[in-house]
PDB file of N, CA and C in Angstrom:
ATOM      1  N   MET A   1       1.162  -1.182   0.157  1.00  0.00           N
ATOM      2  CA  MET A   1       0.194  -0.130  -0.083  1.00  0.00           C
ATOM      3  C   MET A   1       0.933   1.283  -0.110  1.00  0.00           C
ATOM      4  N   ASN A   2       0.478   2.410  -0.825  1.00  0.00           N
ATOM      5  CA  ASN A   2       1.327   3.361  -0.843  1.00  0.00           C
ATOM      6  C   ASN A   2       0.479   4.870  -0.281  1.00  0.00           C
ATOM      7  N   ASP A   3       1.538   5.652  -0.081  1.00  0.00           N
ATOM      8  CA  ASP A   3       0.671   7.155   0.457  1.00  0.00           C
ATOM      9  C   ASP A   3      -0.583   7.239  -0.421  1.00  0.00           C
ATOM     10  N   ARG A   4      -1.032   6.864  -1.281  1.00  0.00           N
ATOM     11  CA  ARG A   4      -2.369   7.714  -2.083  1.00  0.00           C
ATOM     12  C   ARG A   4      -3.450   6.154  -1.440  1.00  0.00           C
ATOM     13  N   THR A   5      -3.093   5.715  -0.980  1.00  0.00           N
ATOM     14  CA  THR A   5      -3.705   4.315  -0.706  1.00  0.00           C
ATOM     15  C   THR A   5      -4.263   4.087   0.408  1.00  0.00           C
ATOM     16  N   SER A   6      -5.373   3.988   0.913  1.00  0.00           N
ATOM     17  CA  SER A   6      -5.535   3.344   2.546  1.00  0.00           C
ATOM     18  C   SER A   6      -6.732   2.419   2.609  1.00  0.00           C
ATOM     19  N   ARG A   7      -6.252   1.507   3.558  1.00  0.00           N
ATOM     20  CA  ARG A   7      -7.261   0.625   3.768  1.00  0.00           C
ATOM     21  C   ARG A   7      -8.434   1.050   4.547  1.00  0.00           C
ATOM     22  N   VAL A   8     -10.124   0.537   3.975  1.00  0.00           N
ATOM     23  CA  VAL A   8     -10.908   0.873   4.834  1.00  0.00           C
ATOM     24  C   VAL A   8     -11.601  -0.288   5.210  1.00  0.00           C
ATOM     25  N   SER A   9     -12.075  -0.095   6.348  1.00  0.00           N
ATOM     26  CA  SER A   9     -12.909  -1.191   7.008  1.00  0.00           C
ATOM     27  C   SER A   9     -14.595  -0.958   6.471  1.00  0.00           C
ATOM     28  N   ILE A  10     -15.033  -1.890   6.104  1.00  0.00           N
ATOM     29  CA  ILE A  10     -16.790  -1.927   5.508  1.00  0.00           C
ATOM     30  C   ILE A  10     -17.413  -3.331   6.154  1.00  0.00           C
ATOM     31  N   ARG A  11     -18.390  -3.173   6.466  1.00  0.00           N
ATOM     32  CA  ARG A  11     -19.429  -4.194   7.010  1.00  0.00           C
ATOM     33  C   ARG A  11     -20.722  -4.251   6.111  1.00  0.00           C
ATOM     34  N   ILE A  12     -20.549  -5.582   5.632  1.00  0.00           N
ATOM     35  CA  ILE A  12     -21.549  -5.925   5.034  1.00  0.00           C
ATOM     36  C   ILE A  12     -22.563  -7.445   5.649  1.00  0.00           C
ATOM     37  N   LEU A  13     -23.624  -7.321   5.992  1.00  0.00           N
ATOM     38  CA  LEU A  13     -24.706  -8.198   6.922  1.00  0.00           C
ATOM     39  C   LEU A  13     -23.360  -8.679   7.624  1.00  0.00           C
ATOM     40  N   GLU A  14     -22.895  -8.055   8.907  1.00  0.00           N
ATOM     41  CA  GLU A  14     -22.754  -8.287   9.948  1.00  0.00           C
ATOM     42  C   GLU A  14     -21.209  -8.975   9.478  1.00  0.00           C
ATOM     43  N   LYS A  15     -20.502  -8.566   8.526  1.00  0.00           N
ATOM     44  CA  LYS A  15     -19.069  -9.589   8.500  1.00  0.00           C
ATOM     45  C   LYS A  15     -18.223  -8.042   8.015  1.00  0.00           C
ATOM     46  N   GLU A  16     -16.991  -8.171   8.536  1.00  0.00           N
ATOM     47  CA  GLU A  16     -16.311  -7.178   8.420  1.00  0.00           C
ATOM     48  C   GLU A  16     -15.354  -7.344   7.454  1.00  0.00           C
ATOM     49  N   TYR A  17     -15.126  -6.264   6.191  1.00  0.00           N
ATOM     50  CA  TYR A  17     -14.039  -6.642   5.399  1.00  0.00           C
ATOM     51  C   TYR A  17     -13.343  -5.300   5.404  1.00  0.00           C
ATOM     52  N   GLN A  18     -11.544  -5.748   4.931  1.00  0.00           N
ATOM     53  CA  GLN A  18     -10.351  -4.664   5.148  1.00  0.00           C
ATOM     54  C   GLN A  18     -10.388  -4.671   3.515  1.00  0.00           C
ATOM     55  N   VAL A  19     -10.761  -3.320   3.053  1.00  0.00           N
ATOM     56  CA  VAL A  19     -10.706  -2.966   1.857  1.00  0.00           C
ATOM     57  C   VAL A  19      -9.447  -1.791   1.495  1.00  0.00           C
ATOM     58  N   ALA A  20      -8.551  -1.866   0.455  1.00  0.00           N
ATOM     59  CA  ALA A  20      -7.690  -1.279   0.192  1.00  0.00           C
ATOM     60  C   ALA A  20      -8.107  -0.302  -1.031  1.00  0.00           C
ATOM     61  N   CYS A  21      -8.287   0.830  -1.152  1.00  0.00           N
ATOM     62  CA  CYS A  21      -8.600   1.780  -2.374  1.00  0.00           C
ATOM     63  C   CYS A  21      -8.046   3.196  -1.807  1.00  0.00           C
ATOM     64  N   PRO A  22      -7.835   4.047  -3.359  1.00  0.00           N
ATOM     65  CA  PRO A  22      -7.203   5.179  -3.017  1.00  0.00           C
ATOM     66  C   PRO A  22      -8.036   6.222  -2.144  1.00  0.00           C
ATOM     67  N   ILE A  23      -6.904   6.924  -1.627  1.00  0.00           N
ATOM     68  CA  ILE A  23      -7.684   7.859  -0.281  1.00  0.00           C
ATOM     69  C   ILE A  23      -9.024   8.807  -1.061  1.00  0.00           C
ATOM     70  N   GLU A  24      -8.685   9.147  -1.930  1.00  0.00           N
ATOM     71  CA  GLU A  24      -9.930  10.188  -2.315  1.00  0.00           C
ATOM     72  C   GLU A  24     -11.039   9.319  -2.797  1.00  0.00           C
ATOM     73  N   GLU A  25     -11.371   7.980  -3.187  1.00  0.00           N
ATOM     74  CA  GLU A  25     -12.088   7.591  -3.129  1.00  0.00           C
ATOM     75  C   GLU A  25     -12.968   6.929  -2.137  1.00  0.00           C
ATOM     76  N   ARG A  26     -12.163   6.883  -1.152  1.00  0.00           N
ATOM     77  CA  ARG A  26     -12.940   6.291   0.458  1.00  0.00           C
ATOM     78  C   ARG A  26     -14.595   6.422   0.545  1.00  0.00           C
ATOM     79  N   THR A  27     -14.605   7.553   0.495  1.00  0.00           N
ATOM     80  CA  THR A  27     -16.010   8.109   0.766  1.00  0.00           C
ATOM     81  C   THR A  27     -17.145   7.339  -0.395  1.00  0.00           C
ATOM     82  N   ASP A  28     -16.808   7.424  -1.719  1.00  0.00           N
ATOM     83  CA  ASP A  28     -17.402   6.766  -2.819  1.00  0.00           C
ATOM     84  C   ASP A  28     -17.419   5.060  -2.529  1.00  0.00           C
ATOM     85  N   LEU A  29     -16.183   4.654  -1.587  1.00  0.00           N
ATOM     86  CA  LEU A  29     -16.616   3.105  -1.472  1.00  0.00           C
ATOM     87  C   LEU A  29     -17.273   2.777  -0.098  1.00  0.00           C
ATOM     88  N   LEU A  30     -17.455   3.556   0.925  1.00  0.00           N
ATOM     89  CA  LEU A  30     -18.198   3.517   2.128  1.00  0.00           C
ATOM     90  C   LEU A  30     -19.731   3.816   1.376  1.00  0.00           C
ATOM     91  N   ASP A  31     -19.895   4.603   0.626  1.00  0.00           N
ATOM     92  CA  ASP A  31     -21.357   4.760  -0.094  1.00  0.00           C
ATOM     93  C   ASP A  31     -22.054   3.843  -0.712  1.00  0.00           C
ATOM     94  N   ALA A  32     -21.017   3.193  -1.398  1.00  0.00           N
ATOM     95  CA  ALA A  32     -21.215   1.582  -2.161  1.00  0.00           C
ATOM     96  C   ALA A  32     -21.715   0.607  -1.258  1.00  0.00           C
ATOM     97  N   ALA A  33     -20.709   0.558   0.083  1.00  0.00           N
ATOM     98  CA  ALA A  33     -20.735  -0.585   0.714  1.00  0.00           C
ATOM     99  C   ALA A  33     -22.441  -0.709   1.287  1.00  0.00           C
ATOM    100  N   GLU A  34     -22.517   0.745   2.098  1.00  0.00           N
ATOM    101  CA  GLU A  34     -23.689   0.868   2.780  1.00  0.00           C
ATOM    102  C   GLU A  34     -25.184   0.535   1.711  1.00  0.00           C
ATOM    103  N   TYR A  35     -24.867   1.191   0.243  1.00  0.00           N
ATOM    104  CA  TYR A  35     -26.086   0.631  -0.548  1.00  0.00           C
ATOM    105  C   TYR A  35     -26.072  -1.130  -0.979  1.00  0.00           C
ATOM    106  N   LEU A  36     -24.854  -1.420  -1.105  1.00  0.00           N
ATOM    107  CA  LEU A  36     -24.802  -3.010  -1.147  1.00  0.00           C
ATOM    108  C   LEU A  36     -25.482  -3.743  -0.010  1.00  0.00           C
ATOM    109  N   ASN A  37     -24.867  -3.225   1.350  1.00  0.00           N
ATOM    110  CA  ASN A  37     -25.731  -3.636   2.555  1.00  0.00           C
ATOM    111  C   ASN A  37     -27.202  -3.765   2.736  1.00  0.00           C
ATOM    112  N   GLY A  38     -27.323  -2.569   2.478  1.00  0.00           N
ATOM    113  CA  GLY A  38     -28.704  -2.720   2.061  1.00  0.00           C
ATOM    114  C   GLY A  38     -29.618  -3.514   1.592  1.00  0.00           C
ATOM    115  N   LYS A  39     -28.942  -3.271  -0.008  1.00  0.00           N
ATOM    116  CA  LYS A  39     -30.062  -4.126  -1.006  1.00  0.00           C
ATOM    117  C   LYS A  39     -29.961  -5.837  -0.529  1.00  0.00           C
ATOM    118  N   MET A  40     -28.777  -6.024   0.277  1.00  0.00           N
ATOM    119  CA  MET A  40     -28.324  -7.659   0.885  1.00  0.00           C
ATOM    120  C   MET A  40     -29.316  -7.733   1.919  1.00  0.00           C
ATOM    121  N   ARG A  41     -29.744  -6.884   2.696  1.00  0.00           N
ATOM    122  CA  ARG A  41     -30.228  -7.027   4.052  1.00  0.00           C
ATOM    123  C   ARG A  41     -31.928  -7.377   3.880  1.00  0.00           C
ATOM    124  N   GLU A  42     -32.418  -6.568   2.651  1.00  0.00           N
ATOM    125  CA  GLU A  42     -33.960  -6.672   1.610  1.00  0.00           C
ATOM    126  C   GLU A  42     -34.055  -8.220   1.309  1.00  0.00           C
ATOM    127  N   ILE A  43     -32.696  -8.718   0.386  1.00  0.00           N
ATOM    128  CA  ILE A  43     -33.401 -10.017  -0.171  1.00  0.00           C
ATOM    129  C   ILE A  43     -33.257 -10.995   0.858  1.00  0.00           C
ATOM    130  N   ARG A  44     -32.479 -11.173   1.859  1.00  0.00           N
ATOM    131  CA  ARG A  44     -32.051 -11.672   3.355  1.00  0.00           C
ATOM    132  C   ARG A  44     -33.109 -12.288   3.866  1.00  0.00           C
ATOM    133  N   GLU A  45     -33.750 -10.589   4.488  1.00  0.00           N
ATOM    134  CA  GLU A  45     -35.460 -10.548   5.342  1.00  0.00           C
ATOM    135  C   GLU A  45     -36.167 -10.919   4.304  1.00  0.00           C
ATOM    136  N   ALA A  46     -36.576 -11.024   3.102  1.00  0.00           N
ATOM    137  CA  ALA A  46     -36.968 -11.355   2.017  1.00  0.00           C
ATOM    138  C   ALA A  46     -37.689 -13.108   2.290  1.00  0.00           C
ATOM    139  N   GLY A  47     -36.155 -13.815   2.440  1.00  0.00           N
ATOM    140  CA  GLY A  47     -36.204 -15.040   2.864  1.00  0.00           C
ATOM    141  C   GLY A  47     -36.861 -15.863   1.686  1.00  0.00           C
ATOM    142  N   ALA A  48     -36.391 -15.849   0.471  1.00  0.00           N
ATOM    143  CA  ALA A  48     -36.380 -16.061  -0.802  1.00  0.00           C
ATOM    144  C   ALA A  48     -35.209 -16.675  -0.899  1.00  0.00           C
ATOM    145  N   VAL A  49     -33.878 -16.466  -0.557  1.00  0.00           N
ATOM    146  CA  VAL A  49     -32.770 -16.473  -1.009  1.00  0.00           C
ATOM    147  C   VAL A  49     -31.763 -16.750   0.588  1.00  0.00           C
ATOM    148  N   MET A  50     -31.243 -17.955   0.247  1.00  0.00           N
ATOM    149  CA  MET A  50     -30.153 -18.471   1.399  1.00  0.00           C
ATOM    150  C   MET A  50     -28.932 -18.471   1.400  1.00  0.00           C
ATOM    151  N   GLY A  51     -28.004 -18.457   1.764  1.00  0.00           N
ATOM    152  CA  GLY A  51     -26.643 -18.287   1.758  1.00  0.00           C
ATOM    153  C   GLY A  51     -26.021 -16.858   1.515  1.00  0.00           C
ATOM    154  N   LEU A  52     -24.880 -16.609   2.131  1.00  0.00           N
ATOM    155  CA  LEU A  52     -24.436 -15.278   1.785  1.00  0.00           C
ATOM    156  C   LEU A  52     -23.882 -15.226   0.375  1.00  0.00           C
ATOM    157  N   ASP A  53     -23.502 -16.232  -0.378  1.00  0.00           N
ATOM    158  CA  ASP A  53     -23.128 -16.300  -1.442  1.00  0.00           C
ATOM    159  C   ASP A  53     -24.433 -15.683  -2.689  1.00  0.00           C
ATOM    160  N   ARG A  54     -25.008 -16.479  -2.390  1.00  0.00           N
ATOM    161  CA  ARG A  54     -26.376 -16.144  -3.332  1.00  0.00           C
ATOM    162  C   ARG A  54     -27.022 -15.101  -2.736  1.00  0.00           C
ATOM    163  N   ILE A  55     -27.040 -14.737  -1.704  1.00  0.00           N
ATOM    164  CA  ILE A  55     -27.662 -13.105  -1.493  1.00  0.00           C
ATOM    165  C   ILE A  55     -26.935 -11.887  -2.277  1.00  0.00           C
ATOM    166  N   ALA A  56     -25.543 -12.289  -2.193  1.00  0.00           N
ATOM    167  CA  ALA A  56     -24.401 -11.584  -2.892  1.00  0.00           C
ATOM    168  C   ALA A  56     -24.395 -11.427  -4.714  1.00  0.00           C
ATOM    169  N   VAL A  57     -24.956 -12.639  -4.931  1.00  0.00           N
ATOM    170  CA  VAL A  57     -25.269 -12.762  -6.570  1.00  0.00           C
ATOM    171  C   VAL A  57     -26.876 -11.741  -6.780  1.00  0.00           C
ATOM    172  N   MET A  58     -27.772 -12.208  -6.131  1.00  0.00           N
ATOM    173  CA  MET A  58     -28.870 -11.855  -6.132  1.00  0.00           C
ATOM    174  C   MET A  58     -28.907  -9.865  -6.083  1.00  0.00           C
ATOM    175  N   ALA A  59     -28.014  -9.616  -5.387  1.00  0.00           N
ATOM    176  CA  ALA A  59     -28.391  -8.190  -4.997  1.00  0.00           C
ATOM    177  C   ALA A  59     -27.161  -7.713  -5.822  1.00  0.00           C
ATOM    178  N   ALA A  60     -26.040  -8.509  -6.470  1.00  0.00           N
ATOM    179  CA  ALA A  60     -25.647  -7.870  -7.975  1.00  0.00           C
ATOM    180  C   ALA A  60     -26.502  -8.363  -9.211  1.00  0.00           C
ATOM    181  N   LEU A  61     -27.049  -9.005  -9.078  1.00  0.00           N
ATOM    182  CA  LEU A  61     -28.048  -8.709 -10.400  1.00  0.00           C
ATOM    183  C   LEU A  61     -28.960  -8.026 -10.390  1.00  0.00           C
ATOM    184  N   ASN A  62     -29.547  -7.574  -9.136  1.00  0.00           N
ATOM    185  CA  ASN A  62     -30.484  -6.585  -9.029  1.00  0.00           C
ATOM    186  C   ASN A  62     -30.258  -5.169  -9.275  1.00  0.00           C
ATOM    187  N   MET A  63     -28.885  -4.899  -8.557  1.00  0.00           N
ATOM    188  CA  MET A  63     -28.099  -3.277  -8.812  1.00  0.00           C
ATOM    189  C   MET A  63     -27.673  -3.421 -10.383  1.00  0.00           C
ATOM    190  N   ALA A  64     -27.235  -4.345 -11.034  1.00  0.00           N
ATOM    191  CA  ALA A  64     -26.992  -4.189 -12.416  1.00  0.00           C
ATOM    192  C   ALA A  64     -28.201  -3.734 -13.092  1.00  0.00           C
ATOM    193  N   ASN A  65     -29.203  -4.921 -13.081  1.00  0.00           N
ATOM    194  CA  ASN A  65     -30.435  -4.399 -13.571  1.00  0.00           C
ATOM    195  C   ASN A  65     -30.973  -3.080 -13.433  1.00  0.00           C
ATOM    196  N   GLU A  66     -30.606  -2.435 -12.152  1.00  0.00           N
ATOM    197  CA  GLU A  66     -31.068  -0.946 -12.102  1.00  0.00           C
ATOM    198  C   GLU A  66     -30.479  -0.330 -13.085  1.00  0.00           C
ATOM    199  N   LEU A  67     -28.752  -0.245 -12.928  1.00  0.00           N
ATOM    200  CA  LEU A  67     -27.905   0.434 -13.845  1.00  0.00           C
ATOM    201  C   LEU A  67     -28.199   0.625 -15.170  1.00  0.00           C
ATOM    202  N   LEU A  68     -28.727  -0.951 -15.854  1.00  0.00           N
ATOM    203  CA  LEU A  68     -29.208  -1.132 -17.255  1.00  0.00           C
ATOM    204  C   LEU A  68     -30.212  -0.159 -17.382  1.00  0.00           C
ATOM    205  N   LYS A  69     -31.199  -0.330 -16.495  1.00  0.00           N
ATOM    206  CA  LYS A  69     -32.402   0.471 -16.725  1.00  0.00           C
ATOM    207  C   LYS A  69     -32.355   1.579 -16.786  1.00  0.00           C
ATOM    208  N   ALA A  70     -31.255   2.182 -15.742  1.00  0.00           N
ATOM    209  CA  ALA A  70     -30.963   3.785 -15.638  1.00  0.00           C
ATOM    210  C   ALA A  70     -30.500   4.195 -17.192  1.00  0.00           C
ATOM    211  N   LYS A  71     -29.356   3.706 -17.671  1.00  0.00           N
ATOM    212  CA  LYS A  71     -28.735   3.821 -18.833  1.00  0.00           C
ATOM    213  C   LYS A  71     -29.658   3.724 -19.941  1.00  0.00           C
ATOM    214  N   LYS A  72     -30.432   2.878 -20.094  1.00  0.00           N
ATOM    215  CA  LYS A  72     -31.516   2.902 -21.178  1.00  0.00           C
ATOM    216  C   LYS A  72     -32.677   4.091 -21.399  1.00  0.00           C
ATOM    217  N   THR A  73     -32.908   4.619 -20.407  1.00  0.00           N
ATOM    218  CA  THR A  73     -33.939   5.784 -19.894  1.00  0.00           C
ATOM    219  C   THR A  73     -32.990   6.930 -20.190  1.00  0.00           C
ATOM    220  N   GLY A  74     -31.693   7.095 -20.585  1.00  0.00           N
ATOM    221  CA  GLY A  74     -31.101   8.275 -20.678  1.00  0.00           C
ATOM    222  C   GLY A  74     -30.225   8.628 -19.600  1.00  0.00           C
ATOM    223  N   GLY A  75     -30.143   7.917 -18.240  1.00  0.00           N
ATOM    224  CA  GLY A  75     -29.320   8.188 -17.299  1.00  0.00           C
ATOM    225  C   GLY A  75     -29.864   9.092 -16.213  1.00  0.00           C
ATOM    226  N   VAL A  76     -29.245  10.497 -17.094  1.00  0.00           N
ATOM    227  CA  VAL A  76     -29.764  11.711 -16.024  1.00  0.00           C
ATOM    228  C   VAL A  76     -31.242  12.065 -16.345  1.00  0.00           C
ATOM    229  N   GLY A  77     -31.589  12.190 -14.784  1.00  0.00           N
ATOM    230  CA  GLY A  77     -33.137  12.586 -14.830  1.00  0.00           C
ATOM    231  C   GLY A  77     -34.158  11.078 -14.432  1.00  0.00           C
ATOM    232  N   SER A  78     -33.610  10.100 -14.481  1.00  0.00           N
ATOM    233  CA  SER A  78     -34.327   8.961 -14.528  1.00  0.00           C
ATOM    234  C   SER A  78     -34.851   8.595 -13.089  1.00  0.00           C
ATOM    235  N   ASP A  79     -35.845   8.237 -12.407  1.00  0.00           N
ATOM    236  CA  ASP A  79     -35.807   7.593 -11.272  1.00  0.00           C
ATOM    237  C   ASP A  79     -34.921   7.240 -10.379  1.00  0.00           C
ATOM    238  N   VAL A  80     -34.298   6.134 -11.061  1.00  0.00           N
ATOM    239  CA  VAL A  80     -33.517   4.889 -10.548  1.00  0.00           C
ATOM    240  C   VAL A  80     -32.202   6.075 -10.002  1.00  0.00           C
ATOM    241  N   GLU A  81     -31.977   6.567 -10.944  1.00  0.00           N
ATOM    242  CA  GLU A  81     -30.637   7.183 -10.687  1.00  0.00           C
ATOM    243  C   GLU A  81     -30.578   8.468 -10.005  1.00  0.00           C
ATOM    244  N   THR A  82     -31.661   9.085  -9.776  1.00  0.00           N
ATOM    245  CA  THR A  82     -31.789  10.474  -9.076  1.00  0.00           C
ATOM    246  C   THR A  82     -32.164   9.376  -7.605  1.00  0.00           C
ATOM    247  N   GLU A  83     -32.594   8.667  -7.406  1.00  0.00           N
ATOM    248  CA  GLU A  83     -33.074   7.985  -5.952  1.00  0.00           C
ATOM    249  C   GLU A  83     -31.394   7.484  -5.565  1.00  0.00           C
ATOM    250  N   LEU A  84     -30.573   7.350  -6.433  1.00  0.00           N
ATOM    251  CA  LEU A  84     -29.372   6.468  -6.157  1.00  0.00           C
ATOM    252  C   LEU A  84     -28.347   7.690  -5.644  1.00  0.00           C
ATOM    253  N   VAL A  85     -28.327   8.764  -7.048  1.00  0.00           N
ATOM    254  CA  VAL A  85     -27.703   9.882  -6.472  1.00  0.00           C
ATOM    255  C   VAL A  85     -28.035  10.451  -5.057  1.00  0.00           C
ATOM    256  N   ASP A  86     -29.317  10.950  -4.969  1.00  0.00           N
ATOM    257  CA  ASP A  86     -29.688  11.437  -3.382  1.00  0.00           C
ATOM    258  C   ASP A  86     -29.359  10.219  -2.372  1.00  0.00           C
ATOM    259  N   ARG A  87     -29.367   9.330  -2.143  1.00  0.00           N
ATOM    260  CA  ARG A  87     -29.187   8.224  -1.554  1.00  0.00           C
ATOM    261  C   ARG A  87     -27.458   8.232  -1.022  1.00  0.00           C
ATOM    262  N   MET A  88     -26.751   8.305  -2.063  1.00  0.00           N
ATOM    263  CA  MET A  88     -25.507   8.470  -1.793  1.00  0.00           C
ATOM    264  C   MET A  88     -25.098   9.753  -1.204  1.00  0.00           C
ATOM    265  N   ARG A  89     -25.818  10.820  -1.638  1.00  0.00           N
ATOM    266  CA  ARG A  89     -25.354  12.224  -1.010  1.00  0.00           C
ATOM    267  C   ARG A  89     -25.673  12.114   0.236  1.00  0.00           C
ATOM    268  N   LEU A  90     -26.596  11.356   0.677  1.00  0.00           N
ATOM    269  CA  LEU A  90     -27.194  11.828   2.052  1.00  0.00           C
ATOM    270  C   LEU A  90     -26.123  10.545   2.930  1.00  0.00           C
ATOM    271  N   LEU A  91     -25.705   9.402   2.419  1.00  0.00           N
ATOM    272  CA  LEU A  91     -24.578   9.070   2.977  1.00  0.00           C
ATOM    273  C   LEU A  91     -23.496   9.552   3.188  1.00  0.00           C
ATOM    274  N   ARG A  92     -22.861  10.256   2.319  1.00  0.00           N
ATOM    275  CA  ARG A  92     -21.863  11.043   2.297  1.00  0.00           C
ATOM    276  C   ARG A  92     -21.498  11.890   3.208  1.00  0.00           C
ATOM    277  N   GLU A  93     -22.965  12.692   3.321  1.00  0.00           N
ATOM    278  CA  GLU A  93     -23.293  13.568   4.728  1.00  0.00           C
ATOM    279  C   GLU A  93     -22.643  13.009   5.610  1.00  0.00           C
ATOM    280  N   ARG A  94     -23.916  11.995   6.008  1.00  0.00           N
ATOM    281  CA  ARG A  94     -23.724  10.948   7.456  1.00  0.00           C
ATOM    282  C   ARG A  94     -21.979  10.800   7.613  1.00  0.00           C
ATOM    283  N   VAL A  95     -21.374  10.133   7.007  1.00  0.00           N
ATOM    284  CA  VAL A  95     -19.757   9.481   6.903  1.00  0.00           C
ATOM    285  C   VAL A  95     -19.468  11.035   7.490  1.00  0.00           C
ATOM    286  N   GLU A  96     -19.247  11.974   6.564  1.00  0.00           N
ATOM    287  CA  GLU A  96     -18.193  13.436   6.850  1.00  0.00           C
ATOM    288  C   GLU A  96     -18.656  13.571   8.188  1.00  0.00           C
ATOM    289  N   SER A  97     -20.045  13.615   8.393  1.00  0.00           N
ATOM    290  CA  SER A  97     -20.203  14.349   9.926  1.00  0.00           C
ATOM    291  C   SER A  97     -19.733  13.329  11.100  1.00  0.00           C
ATOM    292  N   ALA A  98     -20.140  12.251  10.780  1.00  0.00           N
ATOM    293  CA  ALA A  98     -19.259  11.212  12.035  1.00  0.00           C
ATOM    294  C   ALA A  98     -18.120  11.433  12.002  1.00  0.00           C
ATOM    295  N   ILE A  99     -17.248  11.494  11.101  1.00  0.00           N
ATOM    296  CA  ILE A  99     -15.452  11.974  10.979  1.00  0.00           C
ATOM    297  C   ILE A  99     -15.227  13.192  11.104  1.00  0.00           C
ATOM    298  N   THR A 100     -16.234  14.343  11.351  1.00  0.00           N
ATOM    299  CA  THR A 100     -15.889  15.637  12.007  1.00  0.00           C
ATOM    300  C   THR A 100     -16.299  15.366  13.344  1.00  0.00           C
ATOM    301  N   ARG A 101     -17.213  14.679  13.804  1.00  0.00           N
ATOM    302  CA  ARG A 101     -17.577  14.587  15.068  1.00  0.00           C
ATOM    303  C   ARG A 101     -16.450  13.878  16.056  1.00  0.00           C
ATOM    304  N   GLY A 102     -15.650  13.007  15.227  1.00  0.00           N
ATOM    305  CA  GLY A 102     -14.192  12.092  15.669  1.00  0.00           C
ATOM    306  C   GLY A 102     -13.683  13.004  15.803  1.00  0.00           C
ATOM    307  N   LYS A 103     -13.046  13.952  14.850  1.00  0.00           N
ATOM    308  CA  LYS A 103     -11.723  14.911  14.664  1.00  0.00           C
ATOM    309  C   LYS A 103     -11.919  15.798  15.610  1.00  0.00           C
ATOM    310  N   GLN A 104     -13.455  16.372  16.293  1.00  0.00           N
ATOM    311  CA  GLN A 104     -13.543  17.278  16.903  1.00  0.00           C
ATOM    312  C   GLN A 104     -13.218  16.412  18.649  1.00  0.00           C
ATOM    313  N   MET A 105     -13.670  15.195  18.605  1.00  0.00           N
ATOM    314  CA  MET A 105     -13.334  14.595  20.139  1.00  0.00           C
ATOM    315  C   MET A 105     -11.700  14.355  20.298  1.00  0.00           C
ATOM    316  N   GLU A 106     -11.070  13.950  19.117  1.00  0.00           N
ATOM    317  CA  GLU A 106      -9.394  13.844  19.436  1.00  0.00           C
ATOM    318  C   GLU A 106      -8.621  15.361  19.860  1.00  0.00           C
ATOM    319  N   ILE A 107      -9.154  16.329  19.888  1.00  0.00           N
ATOM    320  CA  ILE A 107      -8.536  17.737  19.924  1.00  0.00           C
ATOM    321  C   ILE A 107      -8.706  17.631  20.980  1.00  0.00           C
TER     322      ILE A 107
END
């Protein structure tokens, strides 16, 4: 790992993962992990799919389907993309707020 890369801890379905990523992409990674975790929880709670690997595959398929639908409808302005952008913005603000609170406590 170099100076431009950091190790980020993410939690998906109560399991911890360590992921290396460029420092400037840390927030995006956290947003993506939160979104994925939400999709996987929905699938698990529906009870139709058993096993972590199958839940992950179903979540990936659902997310790929959302992305393809957004691309077909022209992307910008589509309901799916607007919802994703709004959710990502909210999640980023929550993470930045938590980091700020943490820094204030360290001083």
